[in-house]
N, C-alpha and C. Protein backbone atom coordinates (compact mmCIF):
# COMPACT_ATOMS: atom_id res chain seq x y z
N MET A 1 0.85 -1.18 0.00
CA MET A 1 0.00 0.00 0.00
C MET A 1 0.89 1.23 0.00
N SER A 2 0.40 2.30 -0.59
CA SER A 2 1.16 3.55 -0.65
C SER A 2 1.19 4.22 0.72
N SER A 3 1.99 5.25 0.83
CA SER A 3 2.14 5.94 2.11
C SER A 3 0.89 6.77 2.42
N TRP A 4 0.76 7.17 3.69
CA TRP A 4 -0.39 7.98 4.09
C TRP A 4 -0.39 9.32 3.37
N LYS A 5 0.80 9.85 3.05
CA LYS A 5 0.86 11.12 2.33
C LYS A 5 0.32 10.97 0.91
N GLU A 6 0.63 9.84 0.27
CA GLU A 6 0.09 9.58 -1.06
C GLU A 6 -1.42 9.38 -1.01
N GLU A 7 -1.88 8.69 0.03
CA GLU A 7 -3.32 8.48 0.19
C GLU A 7 -4.04 9.80 0.42
N TYR A 8 -3.41 10.69 1.18
CA TYR A 8 -4.01 12.00 1.41
C TYR A 8 -4.15 12.77 0.11
N LYS A 9 -3.16 12.69 -0.75
CA LYS A 9 -3.23 13.35 -2.06
C LYS A 9 -4.39 12.77 -2.88
N ARG A 10 -4.57 11.45 -2.80
CA ARG A 10 -5.69 10.82 -3.52
C ARG A 10 -7.03 11.34 -3.02
N VAL A 11 -7.15 11.50 -1.72
CA VAL A 11 -8.39 12.02 -1.13
C VAL A 11 -8.65 13.43 -1.65
N GLN A 12 -7.62 14.27 -1.64
CA GLN A 12 -7.78 15.64 -2.12
C GLN A 12 -8.13 15.67 -3.60
N GLN A 13 -7.48 14.84 -4.40
CA GLN A 13 -7.76 14.80 -5.83
C GLN A 13 -9.20 14.38 -6.10
N ALA A 14 -9.77 13.60 -5.19
CA ALA A 14 -11.17 13.16 -5.34
C ALA A 14 -12.14 14.19 -4.76
N GLY A 15 -11.60 15.33 -4.30
CA GLY A 15 -12.46 16.38 -3.77
C GLY A 15 -12.75 16.27 -2.28
N GLY A 16 -12.03 15.40 -1.59
CA GLY A 16 -12.25 15.20 -0.17
C GLY A 16 -11.25 15.95 0.69
N GLU A 17 -11.50 15.93 1.96
CA GLU A 17 -10.60 16.51 2.95
C GLU A 17 -10.61 15.63 4.18
N ILE A 18 -9.53 15.64 4.92
CA ILE A 18 -9.41 14.81 6.12
C ILE A 18 -9.39 15.69 7.35
N LEU A 19 -10.10 15.26 8.36
CA LEU A 19 -10.04 15.84 9.69
C LEU A 19 -9.81 14.67 10.63
N CYS A 20 -8.75 14.72 11.39
CA CYS A 20 -8.39 13.60 12.27
C CYS A 20 -8.69 13.98 13.71
N ALA A 21 -9.48 13.17 14.39
CA ALA A 21 -9.78 13.39 15.80
C ALA A 21 -9.27 12.20 16.59
N SER A 22 -8.66 12.49 17.73
CA SER A 22 -8.22 11.43 18.61
C SER A 22 -8.44 11.85 20.06
N ALA A 23 -8.36 10.88 20.95
CA ALA A 23 -8.54 11.16 22.38
C ALA A 23 -7.24 11.66 23.01
N ASP A 24 -6.22 11.84 22.21
CA ASP A 24 -4.95 12.36 22.72
C ASP A 24 -5.06 13.86 22.98
N SER A 25 -4.17 14.36 23.80
CA SER A 25 -4.18 15.78 24.16
C SER A 25 -3.62 16.64 23.02
N VAL A 26 -3.89 17.93 23.10
CA VAL A 26 -3.32 18.87 22.13
C VAL A 26 -1.80 18.80 22.18
N HIS A 27 -1.24 18.70 23.39
CA HIS A 27 0.21 18.59 23.54
C HIS A 27 0.74 17.35 22.79
N SER A 28 0.04 16.25 22.92
CA SER A 28 0.45 15.03 22.22
C SER A 28 0.45 15.25 20.71
N HIS A 29 -0.55 15.95 20.20
CA HIS A 29 -0.61 16.24 18.76
C HIS A 29 0.56 17.11 18.33
N ARG A 30 0.96 18.04 19.19
CA ARG A 30 2.09 18.93 18.88
C ARG A 30 3.40 18.15 18.79
N VAL A 31 3.48 17.02 19.45
CA VAL A 31 4.66 16.16 19.37
C VAL A 31 4.51 15.18 18.20
N PHE A 32 3.33 14.63 18.05
CA PHE A 32 3.05 13.60 17.04
C PHE A 32 3.22 14.13 15.61
N ALA A 33 2.63 15.27 15.32
CA ALA A 33 2.64 15.79 13.95
C ALA A 33 4.07 16.04 13.44
N PRO A 34 4.92 16.72 14.18
CA PRO A 34 6.29 16.92 13.69
C PRO A 34 7.08 15.61 13.55
N ALA A 35 6.77 14.64 14.41
CA ALA A 35 7.46 13.35 14.32
C ALA A 35 7.17 12.65 13.00
N LEU A 36 6.03 12.98 12.38
CA LEU A 36 5.68 12.42 11.08
C LEU A 36 6.19 13.28 9.93
N GLY A 37 6.88 14.35 10.26
CA GLY A 37 7.33 15.27 9.22
C GLY A 37 6.26 16.28 8.87
N GLY A 38 5.32 16.48 9.78
CA GLY A 38 4.21 17.41 9.54
C GLY A 38 2.98 16.67 9.06
N VAL A 39 1.84 17.20 9.40
CA VAL A 39 0.56 16.62 8.99
C VAL A 39 -0.23 17.73 8.30
N PRO A 40 -0.62 17.53 7.04
CA PRO A 40 -1.27 18.59 6.28
C PRO A 40 -2.76 18.78 6.56
N PHE A 41 -3.31 17.98 7.46
CA PHE A 41 -4.73 18.10 7.78
C PHE A 41 -4.87 18.37 9.29
N PRO A 42 -6.02 18.91 9.70
CA PRO A 42 -6.22 19.24 11.11
C PRO A 42 -6.28 18.01 12.01
N LEU A 43 -5.65 18.13 13.16
CA LEU A 43 -5.74 17.13 14.22
C LEU A 43 -6.59 17.74 15.35
N VAL A 44 -7.66 17.06 15.71
CA VAL A 44 -8.57 17.55 16.74
C VAL A 44 -8.39 16.68 17.99
N SER A 45 -8.25 17.34 19.12
CA SER A 45 -8.15 16.62 20.39
C SER A 45 -9.54 16.42 20.98
N ASP A 46 -9.92 15.18 21.17
CA ASP A 46 -11.19 14.84 21.82
C ASP A 46 -10.88 14.39 23.25
N TRP A 47 -10.16 15.23 23.97
CA TRP A 47 -9.66 14.91 25.30
C TRP A 47 -10.79 14.49 26.25
N ASN A 48 -11.96 15.09 26.12
CA ASN A 48 -13.10 14.74 26.98
C ASN A 48 -13.89 13.55 26.48
N ARG A 49 -13.51 13.03 25.33
CA ARG A 49 -14.12 11.83 24.72
C ARG A 49 -15.57 12.03 24.31
N THR A 50 -16.02 13.26 24.20
CA THR A 50 -17.42 13.49 23.82
C THR A 50 -17.66 13.22 22.34
N LEU A 51 -16.71 13.58 21.49
CA LEU A 51 -16.85 13.33 20.06
C LEU A 51 -16.92 11.83 19.79
N ALA A 52 -16.02 11.07 20.42
CA ALA A 52 -16.03 9.61 20.24
C ALA A 52 -17.34 9.00 20.70
N ALA A 53 -17.86 9.48 21.81
CA ALA A 53 -19.15 8.97 22.30
C ALA A 53 -20.27 9.35 21.35
N ASP A 54 -20.28 10.61 20.90
CA ASP A 54 -21.33 11.07 20.00
C ASP A 54 -21.35 10.30 18.68
N TYR A 55 -20.18 9.91 18.20
CA TYR A 55 -20.09 9.18 16.94
C TYR A 55 -20.13 7.67 17.12
N GLY A 56 -20.30 7.21 18.34
CA GLY A 56 -20.46 5.77 18.59
C GLY A 56 -19.20 4.96 18.43
N VAL A 57 -18.04 5.56 18.67
CA VAL A 57 -16.79 4.82 18.49
C VAL A 57 -16.01 4.64 19.80
N TRP A 58 -16.58 5.10 20.92
CA TRP A 58 -15.90 4.91 22.19
C TRP A 58 -16.02 3.45 22.61
N ASP A 59 -14.89 2.80 22.87
CA ASP A 59 -14.83 1.40 23.27
C ASP A 59 -14.63 1.36 24.79
N GLU A 60 -15.70 1.11 25.52
CA GLU A 60 -15.65 1.08 26.99
C GLU A 60 -14.64 0.06 27.50
N ASP A 61 -14.63 -1.13 26.88
CA ASP A 61 -13.74 -2.19 27.35
C ASP A 61 -12.27 -1.82 27.21
N ALA A 62 -11.93 -1.17 26.10
CA ALA A 62 -10.53 -0.80 25.85
C ALA A 62 -10.18 0.55 26.47
N GLY A 63 -11.19 1.33 26.81
CA GLY A 63 -10.93 2.65 27.37
C GLY A 63 -10.36 3.63 26.36
N ARG A 64 -10.74 3.45 25.12
CA ARG A 64 -10.26 4.33 24.04
C ARG A 64 -11.22 4.24 22.87
N PRO A 65 -11.13 5.21 21.96
CA PRO A 65 -11.99 5.13 20.77
C PRO A 65 -11.47 4.10 19.77
N ARG A 66 -12.40 3.52 19.02
CA ARG A 66 -12.02 2.66 17.90
C ARG A 66 -11.69 3.56 16.71
N ARG A 67 -10.82 3.11 15.84
CA ARG A 67 -10.53 3.86 14.62
C ARG A 67 -11.74 3.78 13.71
N ALA A 68 -12.17 4.91 13.21
CA ALA A 68 -13.36 4.96 12.37
C ALA A 68 -13.17 6.00 11.27
N VAL A 69 -13.95 5.88 10.22
CA VAL A 69 -13.94 6.84 9.12
C VAL A 69 -15.37 7.22 8.81
N PHE A 70 -15.58 8.53 8.64
CA PHE A 70 -16.87 9.06 8.26
C PHE A 70 -16.67 9.95 7.04
N VAL A 71 -17.56 9.86 6.07
CA VAL A 71 -17.53 10.74 4.91
C VAL A 71 -18.80 11.58 4.98
N VAL A 72 -18.59 12.89 5.06
CA VAL A 72 -19.69 13.85 5.12
C VAL A 72 -19.60 14.72 3.88
N ASP A 73 -20.70 14.88 3.17
CA ASP A 73 -20.65 15.67 1.94
C ASP A 73 -20.71 17.17 2.24
N ALA A 74 -20.64 17.98 1.21
CA ALA A 74 -20.60 19.43 1.35
C ALA A 74 -21.86 20.00 2.00
N GLU A 75 -22.97 19.26 1.95
CA GLU A 75 -24.21 19.70 2.57
C GLU A 75 -24.32 19.23 4.02
N GLY A 76 -23.29 18.51 4.50
CA GLY A 76 -23.29 18.03 5.88
C GLY A 76 -24.01 16.70 6.07
N ILE A 77 -24.27 16.00 4.97
CA ILE A 77 -24.97 14.71 5.04
C ILE A 77 -23.95 13.58 5.15
N LEU A 78 -24.14 12.72 6.13
CA LEU A 78 -23.27 11.56 6.31
C LEU A 78 -23.52 10.59 5.16
N ARG A 79 -22.49 10.34 4.37
CA ARG A 79 -22.62 9.45 3.20
C ARG A 79 -22.01 8.08 3.43
N TYR A 80 -21.13 7.98 4.42
CA TYR A 80 -20.42 6.71 4.64
C TYR A 80 -19.88 6.70 6.06
N GLU A 81 -19.92 5.53 6.67
CA GLU A 81 -19.25 5.35 7.95
C GLU A 81 -18.70 3.94 8.04
N ASN A 82 -17.53 3.85 8.61
CA ASN A 82 -16.91 2.56 8.91
C ASN A 82 -16.45 2.67 10.35
N LEU A 83 -17.18 2.05 11.26
CA LEU A 83 -16.91 2.18 12.69
C LEU A 83 -15.79 1.28 13.18
N ARG A 84 -15.21 0.52 12.28
CA ARG A 84 -14.07 -0.35 12.63
C ARG A 84 -13.01 -0.30 11.53
N PHE A 85 -12.67 0.91 11.14
CA PHE A 85 -11.71 1.12 10.06
C PHE A 85 -10.37 0.49 10.42
N ASN A 86 -9.83 -0.29 9.49
CA ASN A 86 -8.53 -0.94 9.67
C ASN A 86 -7.55 -0.28 8.71
N ALA A 87 -6.61 0.45 9.27
CA ALA A 87 -5.65 1.19 8.45
C ALA A 87 -4.78 0.28 7.60
N ARG A 88 -4.69 -0.97 7.96
CA ARG A 88 -3.86 -1.92 7.19
C ARG A 88 -4.66 -2.66 6.12
N GLU A 89 -5.96 -2.41 6.07
CA GLU A 89 -6.84 -3.12 5.13
C GLU A 89 -7.10 -2.26 3.90
N LYS A 90 -6.55 -2.67 2.77
CA LYS A 90 -6.70 -1.91 1.53
C LYS A 90 -8.17 -1.71 1.15
N ALA A 91 -8.99 -2.70 1.40
CA ALA A 91 -10.42 -2.60 1.06
C ALA A 91 -11.10 -1.46 1.81
N ASP A 92 -10.65 -1.18 3.02
CA ASP A 92 -11.24 -0.07 3.77
C ASP A 92 -10.94 1.26 3.10
N TYR A 93 -9.71 1.43 2.64
CA TYR A 93 -9.35 2.64 1.89
C TYR A 93 -10.13 2.71 0.58
N ASP A 94 -10.16 1.59 -0.12
CA ASP A 94 -10.83 1.56 -1.43
C ASP A 94 -12.31 1.94 -1.33
N ALA A 95 -12.98 1.49 -0.27
CA ALA A 95 -14.40 1.82 -0.10
C ALA A 95 -14.60 3.33 0.00
N VAL A 96 -13.72 3.99 0.75
CA VAL A 96 -13.81 5.45 0.89
C VAL A 96 -13.51 6.12 -0.44
N MET A 97 -12.46 5.69 -1.11
CA MET A 97 -12.06 6.29 -2.37
C MET A 97 -13.11 6.07 -3.45
N ASP A 98 -13.74 4.91 -3.46
CA ASP A 98 -14.81 4.63 -4.43
C ASP A 98 -15.97 5.61 -4.22
N LEU A 99 -16.31 5.84 -2.97
CA LEU A 99 -17.40 6.78 -2.67
C LEU A 99 -17.02 8.19 -3.10
N LEU A 100 -15.82 8.64 -2.75
CA LEU A 100 -15.39 9.98 -3.13
C LEU A 100 -15.37 10.16 -4.65
N SER A 101 -14.94 9.13 -5.34
CA SER A 101 -14.86 9.20 -6.80
C SER A 101 -16.24 9.23 -7.46
N SER A 102 -17.26 8.71 -6.78
CA SER A 102 -18.59 8.63 -7.37
C SER A 102 -19.42 9.90 -7.14
N VAL A 103 -18.94 10.78 -6.29
CA VAL A 103 -19.71 12.00 -5.95
C VAL A 103 -19.47 13.08 -6.98
């Protein structure tokens, strides 16, 4: 599979944008992003875990959110959700890219 930076370019070319939310602190994001050589999309801290709970991805047993992907169109309509997104699974990426390409 290609790198995350190449995948991000594919998302942009398809007219999409990425917003990344995690339960990590803002400070953690300030360390994480430079360690990757910079991140071209916004990182949102869900330190209070309200976003994860609202989107149904908070895993009580693990005490952390599950990785998930949501595609929201320009009108704010949810067009796709994968509540168990696997970053190592090419089919998960392809499903998102297929949707973006069809819009």
